[in-house]
Amino acid sequence: MGSSTSREDSDELGLEESFVHDLKENTHFKSKEIREWHEKFKKDFPSGHIRRHEFRKMYSELTAKDSNELADYVFDAYDQDRNGRIDFKEFMTTLSVTCRGSTEERLYWVFDMYDIDGTGALTRDEVIKVLKAVFRMKGKEAAEEKACVQADSIFQKLDKDKDGLISKDEFCNVASKEVDVSKIFNIAS
């Protein structure tokens, strides 16, 4: 009782119980997993956040090849408040979606990654930029040309009202039903 902090309020890692509870309620992780991830996160990123250059380094270790451009798009999708760094909450909520999320959750996340300017609609140029980065990272020749062809195919399937934009609804409605579109965006279950 009183105003002293107990084990229920915070643990030795500096995590408030209310914070853990909030993450548990808003992710697909259990409290124990959140604490374990936090311990690793603090060890790897003692500042409490991941900066773009750290993310690029980490991403290149996982993917090799020319991955900085794609790493930047993925970083921006993690960095939900757009402050130039990924905090633990952003890390866990995105990890939850990408690792354990439903198809719909992953579709929303992928859409947000491709929506570079944050307008809520995808342009052909945005889709080309991200696809080009994917093809470059995979070491594919003629990345620009392949990205343009792929973008045209995506727009034919997804831009139902032919306005040159893909809305989140158009994207999710079609991509969730069409396996080949999901594969294009690497989100197939």
N, C-alpha and C. Protein backbone atom coordinates (compact mmCIF):
# COMPACT_ATOMS: atom_id res chain seq x y z
N MET A 1 0.84 -1.18 0.00
CA MET A 1 0.00 0.00 0.00
C MET A 1 0.88 1.24 0.00
N GLY A 2 0.23 2.41 0.02
CA GLY A 2 0.98 3.66 0.03
C GLY A 2 1.50 3.99 -1.35
N SER A 3 2.51 4.87 -1.39
CA SER A 3 3.02 5.34 -2.67
C SER A 3 4.29 4.63 -3.11
N SER A 4 4.72 3.62 -2.38
CA SER A 4 5.93 2.92 -2.78
C SER A 4 5.65 2.04 -4.00
N THR A 5 6.66 1.87 -4.83
CA THR A 5 6.52 1.06 -6.03
C THR A 5 6.72 -0.40 -5.68
N SER A 6 5.80 -1.23 -6.10
CA SER A 6 5.89 -2.65 -5.82
C SER A 6 6.21 -3.41 -7.09
N ARG A 7 6.41 -4.71 -6.96
CA ARG A 7 6.67 -5.58 -8.11
C ARG A 7 5.54 -5.48 -9.13
N GLU A 8 4.31 -5.27 -8.64
CA GLU A 8 3.18 -5.17 -9.56
C GLU A 8 3.27 -3.90 -10.41
N ASP A 9 3.85 -2.85 -9.88
CA ASP A 9 3.91 -1.57 -10.60
C ASP A 9 5.08 -1.49 -11.58
N SER A 10 6.21 -2.05 -11.24
CA SER A 10 7.34 -2.06 -12.16
C SER A 10 8.25 -3.22 -11.82
N ASP A 11 9.05 -3.62 -12.79
CA ASP A 11 9.98 -4.70 -12.52
C ASP A 11 11.41 -4.18 -12.62
N GLU A 12 12.36 -5.08 -12.46
CA GLU A 12 13.77 -4.67 -12.45
C GLU A 12 14.23 -4.13 -13.80
N LEU A 13 13.48 -4.31 -14.83
CA LEU A 13 13.84 -3.80 -16.15
C LEU A 13 13.30 -2.41 -16.41
N GLY A 14 12.58 -1.86 -15.44
CA GLY A 14 12.03 -0.53 -15.62
C GLY A 14 10.71 -0.50 -16.35
N LEU A 15 10.08 -1.64 -16.50
CA LEU A 15 8.78 -1.70 -17.17
C LEU A 15 7.66 -1.55 -16.16
N GLU A 16 6.84 -0.57 -16.37
CA GLU A 16 5.65 -0.39 -15.52
C GLU A 16 4.67 -1.51 -15.85
N GLU A 17 4.02 -2.03 -14.84
CA GLU A 17 3.04 -3.09 -15.06
C GLU A 17 1.92 -2.62 -15.99
N SER A 18 1.53 -1.36 -15.86
CA SER A 18 0.47 -0.83 -16.73
C SER A 18 0.93 -0.80 -18.19
N PHE A 19 2.21 -0.53 -18.41
CA PHE A 19 2.77 -0.53 -19.76
C PHE A 19 2.75 -1.94 -20.34
N VAL A 20 3.18 -2.91 -19.53
CA VAL A 20 3.17 -4.31 -19.96
C VAL A 20 1.73 -4.75 -20.26
N HIS A 21 0.82 -4.38 -19.38
CA HIS A 21 -0.59 -4.73 -19.57
C HIS A 21 -1.12 -4.13 -20.87
N ASP A 22 -0.79 -2.87 -21.13
CA ASP A 22 -1.23 -2.19 -22.35
C ASP A 22 -0.69 -2.90 -23.59
N LEU A 23 0.60 -3.25 -23.56
CA LEU A 23 1.18 -3.97 -24.70
C LEU A 23 0.54 -5.34 -24.87
N LYS A 24 0.30 -6.01 -23.77
CA LYS A 24 -0.34 -7.33 -23.82
C LYS A 24 -1.72 -7.23 -24.47
N GLU A 25 -2.46 -6.19 -24.11
CA GLU A 25 -3.81 -6.01 -24.64
C GLU A 25 -3.80 -5.61 -26.12
N ASN A 26 -2.72 -4.98 -26.57
CA ASN A 26 -2.68 -4.44 -27.93
C ASN A 26 -1.74 -5.18 -28.87
N THR A 27 -1.19 -6.30 -28.41
CA THR A 27 -0.32 -7.11 -29.26
C THR A 27 -0.72 -8.58 -29.10
N HIS A 28 0.02 -9.42 -29.77
CA HIS A 28 -0.21 -10.87 -29.67
C HIS A 28 0.83 -11.51 -28.76
N PHE A 29 1.37 -10.75 -27.81
CA PHE A 29 2.39 -11.27 -26.90
C PHE A 29 1.85 -11.38 -25.49
N LYS A 30 2.41 -12.34 -24.75
CA LYS A 30 2.10 -12.51 -23.34
C LYS A 30 3.03 -11.62 -22.53
N SER A 31 2.67 -11.35 -21.28
CA SER A 31 3.47 -10.48 -20.41
C SER A 31 4.91 -10.97 -20.32
N LYS A 32 5.10 -12.25 -20.13
CA LYS A 32 6.45 -12.81 -20.01
C LYS A 32 7.26 -12.55 -21.28
N GLU A 33 6.64 -12.73 -22.43
CA GLU A 33 7.34 -12.50 -23.69
C GLU A 33 7.72 -11.02 -23.84
N ILE A 34 6.83 -10.14 -23.43
CA ILE A 34 7.11 -8.70 -23.50
C ILE A 34 8.32 -8.36 -22.65
N ARG A 35 8.37 -8.91 -21.45
CA ARG A 35 9.52 -8.65 -20.57
C ARG A 35 10.81 -9.21 -21.17
N GLU A 36 10.73 -10.40 -21.75
CA GLU A 36 11.92 -11.00 -22.37
C GLU A 36 12.40 -10.16 -23.55
N TRP A 37 11.46 -9.71 -24.39
CA TRP A 37 11.82 -8.86 -25.51
C TRP A 37 12.42 -7.54 -25.02
N HIS A 38 11.85 -7.00 -23.94
CA HIS A 38 12.36 -5.73 -23.41
C HIS A 38 13.79 -5.89 -22.92
N GLU A 39 14.06 -7.00 -22.27
CA GLU A 39 15.42 -7.26 -21.78
C GLU A 39 16.41 -7.28 -22.96
N LYS A 40 16.06 -7.96 -24.03
CA LYS A 40 16.91 -8.01 -25.23
C LYS A 40 17.03 -6.63 -25.87
N PHE A 41 15.92 -5.93 -25.95
CA PHE A 41 15.89 -4.60 -26.56
C PHE A 41 16.82 -3.64 -25.81
N LYS A 42 16.72 -3.62 -24.48
CA LYS A 42 17.57 -2.73 -23.67
C LYS A 42 19.04 -3.12 -23.79
N LYS A 43 19.32 -4.41 -23.91
CA LYS A 43 20.70 -4.86 -24.06
C LYS A 43 21.27 -4.39 -25.40
N ASP A 44 20.49 -4.57 -26.45
CA ASP A 44 20.96 -4.20 -27.79
C ASP A 44 20.88 -2.70 -28.07
N PHE A 45 19.94 -2.03 -27.40
CA PHE A 45 19.72 -0.59 -27.63
C PHE A 45 19.57 0.11 -26.28
N PRO A 46 20.69 0.30 -25.57
CA PRO A 46 20.64 0.87 -24.21
C PRO A 46 19.99 2.26 -24.15
N SER A 47 19.97 2.96 -25.26
CA SER A 47 19.34 4.29 -25.28
C SER A 47 17.82 4.19 -25.17
N GLY A 48 17.29 2.99 -25.39
CA GLY A 48 15.84 2.79 -25.31
C GLY A 48 15.13 2.98 -26.64
N HIS A 49 15.89 3.18 -27.70
CA HIS A 49 15.29 3.31 -29.02
C HIS A 49 16.29 2.91 -30.10
N ILE A 50 15.77 2.66 -31.28
CA ILE A 50 16.59 2.29 -32.43
C ILE A 50 16.59 3.46 -33.41
N ARG A 51 17.77 3.93 -33.73
CA ARG A 51 17.89 5.00 -34.73
C ARG A 51 18.01 4.36 -36.13
N ARG A 52 17.75 5.16 -37.13
CA ARG A 52 17.75 4.68 -38.52
C ARG A 52 19.06 3.95 -38.88
N HIS A 53 20.20 4.53 -38.52
CA HIS A 53 21.47 3.89 -38.89
C HIS A 53 21.65 2.55 -38.19
N GLU A 54 21.15 2.42 -36.97
CA GLU A 54 21.22 1.14 -36.26
C GLU A 54 20.30 0.12 -36.92
N PHE A 55 19.13 0.58 -37.33
CA PHE A 55 18.17 -0.31 -38.00
C PHE A 55 18.75 -0.79 -39.33
N ARG A 56 19.35 0.13 -40.08
CA ARG A 56 19.96 -0.25 -41.36
C ARG A 56 21.02 -1.33 -41.16
N LYS A 57 21.85 -1.13 -40.14
CA LYS A 57 22.92 -2.11 -39.85
C LYS A 57 22.31 -3.46 -39.52
N MET A 58 21.33 -3.46 -38.64
CA MET A 58 20.66 -4.69 -38.24
C MET A 58 20.00 -5.36 -39.45
N TYR A 59 19.33 -4.57 -40.26
CA TYR A 59 18.62 -5.09 -41.43
C TYR A 59 19.60 -5.69 -42.43
N SER A 60 20.73 -5.03 -42.65
CA SER A 60 21.71 -5.54 -43.61
C SER A 60 22.34 -6.84 -43.12
N GLU A 61 22.45 -7.01 -41.82
CA GLU A 61 22.97 -8.27 -41.27
C GLU A 61 22.00 -9.41 -41.52
N LEU A 62 20.73 -9.11 -41.57
CA LEU A 62 19.71 -10.13 -41.82
C LEU A 62 19.54 -10.44 -43.30
N THR A 63 19.75 -9.45 -44.15
CA THR A 63 19.42 -9.61 -45.56
C THR A 63 20.61 -9.63 -46.50
N ALA A 64 21.72 -9.04 -46.08
CA ALA A 64 22.87 -8.84 -46.96
C ALA A 64 22.44 -7.96 -48.14
N LYS A 65 23.17 -8.01 -49.22
CA LYS A 65 22.86 -7.24 -50.42
C LYS A 65 22.67 -5.75 -50.14
N ASP A 66 22.07 -5.07 -51.10
CA ASP A 66 21.82 -3.63 -51.02
C ASP A 66 20.46 -3.41 -50.37
N SER A 67 20.44 -3.29 -49.04
CA SER A 67 19.16 -3.25 -48.34
C SER A 67 18.83 -1.92 -47.68
N ASN A 68 19.70 -0.92 -47.77
CA ASN A 68 19.44 0.34 -47.06
C ASN A 68 18.14 1.01 -47.48
N GLU A 69 17.85 1.00 -48.77
CA GLU A 69 16.64 1.66 -49.25
C GLU A 69 15.39 0.98 -48.68
N LEU A 70 15.35 -0.35 -48.75
CA LEU A 70 14.20 -1.07 -48.20
C LEU A 70 14.17 -0.94 -46.68
N ALA A 71 15.33 -0.98 -46.06
CA ALA A 71 15.40 -0.81 -44.60
C ALA A 71 14.77 0.51 -44.18
N ASP A 72 14.98 1.56 -44.97
CA ASP A 72 14.38 2.86 -44.65
C ASP A 72 12.86 2.80 -44.70
N TYR A 73 12.30 2.12 -45.69
CA TYR A 73 10.84 2.00 -45.78
C TYR A 73 10.28 1.19 -44.61
N VAL A 74 10.98 0.12 -44.25
CA VAL A 74 10.55 -0.71 -43.12
C VAL A 74 10.69 0.09 -41.82
N PHE A 75 11.80 0.82 -41.68
CA PHE A 75 12.00 1.66 -40.50
C PHE A 75 10.85 2.65 -40.34
N ASP A 76 10.49 3.31 -41.43
CA ASP A 76 9.40 4.29 -41.37
C ASP A 76 8.07 3.65 -40.97
N ALA A 77 7.86 2.40 -41.37
CA ALA A 77 6.64 1.69 -40.98
C ALA A 77 6.66 1.36 -39.48
N TYR A 78 7.82 1.07 -38.93
CA TYR A 78 7.95 0.83 -37.49
C TYR A 78 7.78 2.14 -36.71
N ASP A 79 8.37 3.21 -37.22
CA ASP A 79 8.40 4.51 -36.54
C ASP A 79 7.05 5.20 -36.67
N GLN A 80 6.09 4.74 -35.90
CA GLN A 80 4.70 5.18 -36.04
C GLN A 80 4.50 6.66 -35.75
N ASP A 81 5.27 7.23 -34.84
CA ASP A 81 5.09 8.65 -34.53
C ASP A 81 6.02 9.55 -35.36
N ARG A 82 6.78 8.93 -36.27
CA ARG A 82 7.64 9.66 -37.21
C ARG A 82 8.65 10.60 -36.52
N ASN A 83 9.19 10.15 -35.39
CA ASN A 83 10.17 10.99 -34.69
C ASN A 83 11.62 10.59 -35.00
N GLY A 84 11.81 9.69 -35.94
CA GLY A 84 13.16 9.32 -36.35
C GLY A 84 13.80 8.22 -35.52
N ARG A 85 13.02 7.59 -34.67
CA ARG A 85 13.54 6.47 -33.88
C ARG A 85 12.39 5.54 -33.50
N ILE A 86 12.76 4.29 -33.28
CA ILE A 86 11.78 3.26 -32.92
C ILE A 86 11.92 2.98 -31.44
N ASP A 87 10.87 3.25 -30.68
CA ASP A 87 10.91 2.93 -29.25
C ASP A 87 10.40 1.50 -29.05
N PHE A 88 10.46 1.03 -27.81
CA PHE A 88 10.10 -0.36 -27.53
C PHE A 88 8.64 -0.65 -27.88
N LYS A 89 7.75 0.28 -27.59
CA LYS A 89 6.33 0.06 -27.90
C LYS A 89 6.12 -0.08 -29.40
N GLU A 90 6.74 0.80 -30.19
CA GLU A 90 6.62 0.71 -31.64
C GLU A 90 7.21 -0.60 -32.15
N PHE A 91 8.33 -0.98 -31.57
CA PHE A 91 8.98 -2.23 -31.95
C PHE A 91 8.06 -3.42 -31.71
N MET A 92 7.47 -3.48 -30.52
CA MET A 92 6.63 -4.62 -30.16
C MET A 92 5.31 -4.64 -30.93
N THR A 93 4.70 -3.50 -31.14
CA THR A 93 3.43 -3.51 -31.87
C THR A 93 3.65 -3.93 -33.33
N THR A 94 4.74 -3.49 -33.92
CA THR A 94 5.02 -3.89 -35.30
C THR A 94 5.44 -5.35 -35.36
N LEU A 95 6.28 -5.78 -34.44
CA LEU A 95 6.69 -7.18 -34.39
C LEU A 95 5.48 -8.09 -34.22
N SER A 96 4.55 -7.67 -33.40
CA SER A 96 3.33 -8.44 -33.19
C SER A 96 2.57 -8.63 -34.50
N VAL A 97 2.43 -7.56 -35.25
CA VAL A 97 1.69 -7.63 -36.52
C VAL A 97 2.44 -8.48 -37.53
N THR A 98 3.74 -8.24 -37.69
CA THR A 98 4.49 -8.93 -38.73
C THR A 98 4.72 -10.40 -38.41
N CYS A 99 4.81 -10.75 -37.14
CA CYS A 99 5.08 -12.14 -36.77
C CYS A 99 3.84 -12.95 -36.43
N ARG A 100 2.86 -12.30 -35.81
CA ARG A 100 1.70 -13.04 -35.31
C ARG A 100 0.37 -12.45 -35.72
N GLY A 101 0.41 -11.41 -36.50
CA GLY A 101 -0.82 -10.73 -36.87
C GLY A 101 -1.68 -11.52 -37.85
N SER A 102 -2.93 -11.17 -37.88
CA SER A 102 -3.85 -11.76 -38.84
C SER A 102 -3.48 -11.26 -40.24
N THR A 103 -4.04 -11.89 -41.24
CA THR A 103 -3.80 -11.43 -42.61
C THR A 103 -4.21 -9.97 -42.76
N GLU A 104 -5.35 -9.62 -42.18
CA GLU A 104 -5.82 -8.23 -42.27
C GLU A 104 -4.85 -7.26 -41.61
N GLU A 105 -4.33 -7.60 -40.43
CA GLU A 105 -3.36 -6.74 -39.75
C GLU A 105 -2.10 -6.58 -40.58
N ARG A 106 -1.62 -7.67 -41.16
CA ARG A 106 -0.41 -7.60 -41.98
C ARG A 106 -0.66 -6.79 -43.25
N LEU A 107 -1.85 -6.93 -43.82
CA LEU A 107 -2.18 -6.13 -45.00
C LEU A 107 -2.15 -4.64 -44.68
N TYR A 108 -2.73 -4.26 -43.55
CA TYR A 108 -2.70 -2.85 -43.15
C TYR A 108 -1.26 -2.37 -42.96
N TRP A 109 -0.43 -3.20 -42.34
CA TRP A 109 0.96 -2.81 -42.11
C TRP A 109 1.71 -2.65 -43.43
N VAL A 110 1.53 -3.61 -44.33
CA VAL A 110 2.20 -3.53 -45.64
C VAL A 110 1.72 -2.29 -46.39
N PHE A 111 0.42 -2.04 -46.35
CA PHE A 111 -0.11 -0.84 -47.00
C PHE A 111 0.59 0.40 -46.45
N ASP A 112 0.69 0.50 -45.13
CA ASP A 112 1.33 1.67 -44.52
C ASP A 112 2.79 1.79 -44.92
N MET A 113 3.49 0.66 -45.09
CA MET A 113 4.88 0.71 -45.52
C MET A 113 4.98 1.27 -46.94
N TYR A 114 4.09 0.85 -47.81
CA TYR A 114 4.11 1.33 -49.19
C TYR A 114 3.61 2.76 -49.31
N ASP A 115 2.81 3.20 -48.37
CA ASP A 115 2.26 4.57 -48.38
C ASP A 115 3.32 5.53 -47.84
N ILE A 116 4.33 5.76 -48.64
CA ILE A 116 5.51 6.53 -48.23
C ILE A 116 5.16 7.92 -47.72
N ASP A 117 4.24 8.59 -48.39
CA ASP A 117 3.91 9.97 -48.00
C ASP A 117 2.81 10.05 -46.94
N GLY A 118 2.27 8.90 -46.53
CA GLY A 118 1.29 8.88 -45.45
C GLY A 118 -0.06 9.47 -45.78
N THR A 119 -0.43 9.49 -47.06
CA THR A 119 -1.71 10.09 -47.46
C THR A 119 -2.90 9.16 -47.32
N GLY A 120 -2.64 7.88 -47.09
CA GLY A 120 -3.74 6.92 -47.00
C GLY A 120 -4.12 6.33 -48.35
N ALA A 121 -3.32 6.62 -49.37
CA ALA A 121 -3.54 6.05 -50.70
C ALA A 121 -2.18 5.78 -51.34
N LEU A 122 -2.10 4.69 -52.09
CA LEU A 122 -0.85 4.35 -52.76
C LEU A 122 -0.87 4.89 -54.18
N THR A 123 0.24 5.52 -54.56
CA THR A 123 0.41 5.94 -55.95
C THR A 123 1.29 4.91 -56.64
N ARG A 124 1.27 4.92 -57.95
CA ARG A 124 2.12 4.01 -58.72
C ARG A 124 3.59 4.26 -58.38
N ASP A 125 3.95 5.53 -58.22
CA ASP A 125 5.33 5.89 -57.91
C ASP A 125 5.78 5.30 -56.56
N GLU A 126 4.90 5.35 -55.56
CA GLU A 126 5.24 4.78 -54.25
C GLU A 126 5.46 3.27 -54.36
N VAL A 127 4.57 2.61 -55.06
CA VAL A 127 4.68 1.16 -55.22
C VAL A 127 5.97 0.81 -55.96
N ILE A 128 6.29 1.56 -57.00
CA ILE A 128 7.53 1.32 -57.75
C ILE A 128 8.75 1.51 -56.85
N LYS A 129 8.77 2.57 -56.06
CA LYS A 129 9.93 2.82 -55.19
C LYS A 129 10.19 1.66 -54.24
N VAL A 130 9.14 1.17 -53.59
CA VAL A 130 9.33 0.09 -52.62
C VAL A 130 9.68 -1.21 -53.34
N LEU A 131 8.99 -1.52 -54.43
CA LEU A 131 9.31 -2.75 -55.18
C LEU A 131 10.73 -2.72 -55.72
N LYS A 132 11.16 -1.56 -56.19
CA LYS A 132 12.53 -1.42 -56.70
C LYS A 132 13.54 -1.73 -55.58
N ALA A 133 13.26 -1.24 -54.39
CA ALA A 133 14.13 -1.51 -53.25
C ALA A 133 14.15 -3.01 -52.93
N VAL A 134 12.99 -3.65 -53.01
CA VAL A 134 12.92 -5.10 -52.77
C VAL A 134 13.75 -5.84 -53.82
N PHE A 135 13.57 -5.51 -55.09
CA PHE A 135 14.31 -6.19 -56.15
C PHE A 135 15.81 -5.95 -56.03
N ARG A 136 16.21 -4.75 -55.67
CA ARG A 136 17.64 -4.46 -55.49
C ARG A 136 18.21 -5.29 -54.35
N MET A 137 17.46 -5.36 -53.25
CA MET A 137 17.92 -6.12 -52.11
C MET A 137 18.09 -7.60 -52.48
N LYS A 138 17.20 -8.09 -53.31
CA LYS A 138 17.27 -9.50 -53.74
C LYS A 138 18.30 -9.71 -54.84
N GLY A 139 18.98 -8.62 -55.24
CA GLY A 139 20.03 -8.72 -56.24
C GLY A 139 19.52 -8.96 -57.65
N LYS A 140 18.28 -8.59 -57.91
CA LYS A 140 17.70 -8.83 -59.24
C LYS A 140 18.16 -7.75 -60.21
N GLU A 141 18.47 -8.20 -61.42
CA GLU A 141 18.84 -7.29 -62.50
C GLU A 141 17.61 -6.50 -62.94
N ALA A 142 17.82 -5.34 -63.50
CA ALA A 142 16.75 -4.50 -64.04
C ALA A 142 15.65 -4.25 -63.02
N ALA A 143 16.04 -3.87 -61.81
CA ALA A 143 15.09 -3.66 -60.72
C ALA A 143 14.03 -2.62 -61.08
N GLU A 144 14.45 -1.55 -61.72
CA GLU A 144 13.49 -0.48 -62.10
C GLU A 144 12.44 -1.01 -63.06
N GLU A 145 12.89 -1.71 -64.09
CA GLU A 145 11.96 -2.24 -65.09
C GLU A 145 11.00 -3.26 -64.46
N LYS A 146 11.53 -4.16 -63.65
CA LYS A 146 10.68 -5.16 -63.00
C LYS A 146 9.68 -4.51 -62.05
N ALA A 147 10.13 -3.49 -61.35
CA ALA A 147 9.24 -2.78 -60.42
C ALA A 147 8.10 -2.11 -61.17
N CYS A 148 8.39 -1.53 -62.32
CA CYS A 148 7.34 -0.88 -63.13
C CYS A 148 6.32 -1.89 -63.63
N VAL A 149 6.80 -3.03 -64.12
CA VAL A 149 5.89 -4.07 -64.62
C VAL A 149 5.02 -4.59 -63.48
N GLN A 150 5.64 -4.85 -62.33
CA GLN A 150 4.91 -5.36 -61.17
C GLN A 150 3.89 -4.32 -60.68
N ALA A 151 4.28 -3.06 -60.65
CA ALA A 151 3.37 -2.00 -60.22
C ALA A 151 2.16 -1.91 -61.15
N ASP A 152 2.41 -2.01 -62.45
CA ASP A 152 1.29 -1.98 -63.40
C ASP A 152 0.32 -3.13 -63.14
N SER A 153 0.86 -4.30 -62.87
CA SER A 153 0.02 -5.47 -62.57
C SER A 153 -0.79 -5.25 -61.30
N ILE A 154 -0.14 -4.70 -60.29
CA ILE A 154 -0.82 -4.43 -59.02
C ILE A 154 -1.95 -3.43 -59.23
N PHE A 155 -1.68 -2.37 -59.96
CA PHE A 155 -2.71 -1.35 -60.18
C PHE A 155 -3.87 -1.89 -61.01
N GLN A 156 -3.59 -2.78 -61.96
CA GLN A 156 -4.69 -3.39 -62.73
C GLN A 156 -5.62 -4.17 -61.81
N LYS A 157 -5.05 -4.87 -60.85
CA LYS A 157 -5.86 -5.70 -59.96
C LYS A 157 -6.52 -4.92 -58.83
N LEU A 158 -5.82 -3.92 -58.31
CA LEU A 158 -6.28 -3.28 -57.08
C LEU A 158 -6.99 -1.94 -57.27
N ASP A 159 -6.64 -1.21 -58.30
CA ASP A 159 -7.24 0.12 -58.50
C ASP A 159 -8.59 -0.04 -59.18
N LYS A 160 -9.58 -0.47 -58.43
CA LYS A 160 -10.90 -0.81 -58.97
C LYS A 160 -11.61 0.38 -59.60
N ASP A 161 -11.45 1.56 -59.03
CA ASP A 161 -12.15 2.73 -59.59
C ASP A 161 -11.29 3.49 -60.62
N LYS A 162 -10.11 2.95 -60.90
CA LYS A 162 -9.22 3.49 -61.94
C LYS A 162 -8.90 4.98 -61.78
N ASP A 163 -8.70 5.40 -60.52
CA ASP A 163 -8.36 6.80 -60.27
C ASP A 163 -6.86 7.03 -60.12
N GLY A 164 -6.06 5.98 -60.35
CA GLY A 164 -4.62 6.12 -60.24
C GLY A 164 -4.11 6.01 -58.82
N LEU A 165 -5.00 5.69 -57.90
CA LEU A 165 -4.65 5.53 -56.49
C LEU A 165 -5.23 4.22 -55.98
N ILE A 166 -4.55 3.63 -55.03
CA ILE A 166 -5.09 2.44 -54.36
C ILE A 166 -5.37 2.84 -52.93
N SER A 167 -6.65 2.82 -52.57
CA SER A 167 -7.03 3.14 -51.19
C SER A 167 -6.75 1.93 -50.30
N LYS A 168 -6.76 2.16 -49.01
CA LYS A 168 -6.54 1.06 -48.07
C LYS A 168 -7.64 0.01 -48.24
N ASP A 169 -8.87 0.45 -48.45
CA ASP A 169 -9.97 -0.49 -48.65
C ASP A 169 -9.78 -1.32 -49.92
N GLU A 170 -9.43 -0.66 -51.03
CA GLU A 170 -9.18 -1.40 -52.28
C GLU A 170 -8.07 -2.43 -52.06
N PHE A 171 -7.01 -1.98 -51.43
CA PHE A 171 -5.86 -2.84 -51.18
C PHE A 171 -6.25 -4.06 -50.35
N CYS A 172 -6.88 -3.82 -49.22
CA CYS A 172 -7.20 -4.91 -48.30
C CYS A 172 -8.29 -5.83 -48.84
N ASN A 173 -9.30 -5.27 -49.48
CA ASN A 173 -10.38 -6.09 -50.03
C ASN A 173 -9.89 -7.06 -51.09
N VAL A 174 -9.05 -6.58 -51.99
CA VAL A 174 -8.58 -7.44 -53.07
C VAL A 174 -7.41 -8.31 -52.61
N ALA A 175 -6.45 -7.72 -51.93
CA ALA A 175 -5.25 -8.47 -51.55
C ALA A 175 -5.57 -9.63 -50.61
N SER A 176 -6.58 -9.48 -49.77
CA SER A 176 -6.91 -10.57 -48.85
C SER A 176 -7.54 -11.76 -49.59
N LYS A 177 -8.08 -11.52 -50.77
CA LYS A 177 -8.74 -12.58 -51.54
C LYS A 177 -7.87 -13.16 -52.64
N GLU A 178 -6.89 -12.40 -53.08
CA GLU A 178 -6.08 -12.82 -54.22
C GLU A 178 -4.69 -13.22 -53.77
N VAL A 179 -4.43 -14.51 -53.80
CA VAL A 179 -3.16 -15.05 -53.33
C VAL A 179 -1.98 -14.45 -54.09
N ASP A 180 -2.10 -14.28 -55.41
CA ASP A 180 -0.97 -13.75 -56.17
C ASP A 180 -0.64 -12.32 -55.78
N VAL A 181 -1.63 -11.52 -55.43
CA VAL A 181 -1.37 -10.16 -54.97
C VAL A 181 -0.67 -10.21 -53.61
N SER A 182 -1.12 -11.09 -52.74
CA SER A 182 -0.48 -11.23 -51.43
C SER A 182 0.98 -11.63 -51.59
N LYS A 183 1.26 -12.51 -52.54
CA LYS A 183 2.65 -12.93 -52.77
C LYS A 183 3.50 -11.77 -53.27
N ILE A 184 2.91 -10.93 -54.11
CA ILE A 184 3.64 -9.77 -54.62
C ILE A 184 4.13 -8.92 -53.45
N PHE A 185 3.27 -8.77 -52.46
CA PHE A 185 3.61 -7.94 -51.31
C PHE A 185 4.23 -8.75 -50.17
N ASN A 186 4.53 -10.03 -50.40
CA ASN A 186 5.15 -10.90 -49.40
C ASN A 186 4.36 -11.00 -48.11
N ILE A 187 3.05 -11.17 -48.21
CA ILE A 187 2.23 -11.25 -47.01
C ILE A 187 1.34 -12.47 -47.00
N ALA A 188 1.55 -13.37 -47.93
CA ALA A 188 0.71 -14.57 -47.96
C ALA A 188 0.88 -15.36 -46.67
N SER A 189 -0.22 -15.91 -46.19
CA SER A 189 -0.18 -16.69 -44.95
C SER A 189 0.58 -17.97 -45.11
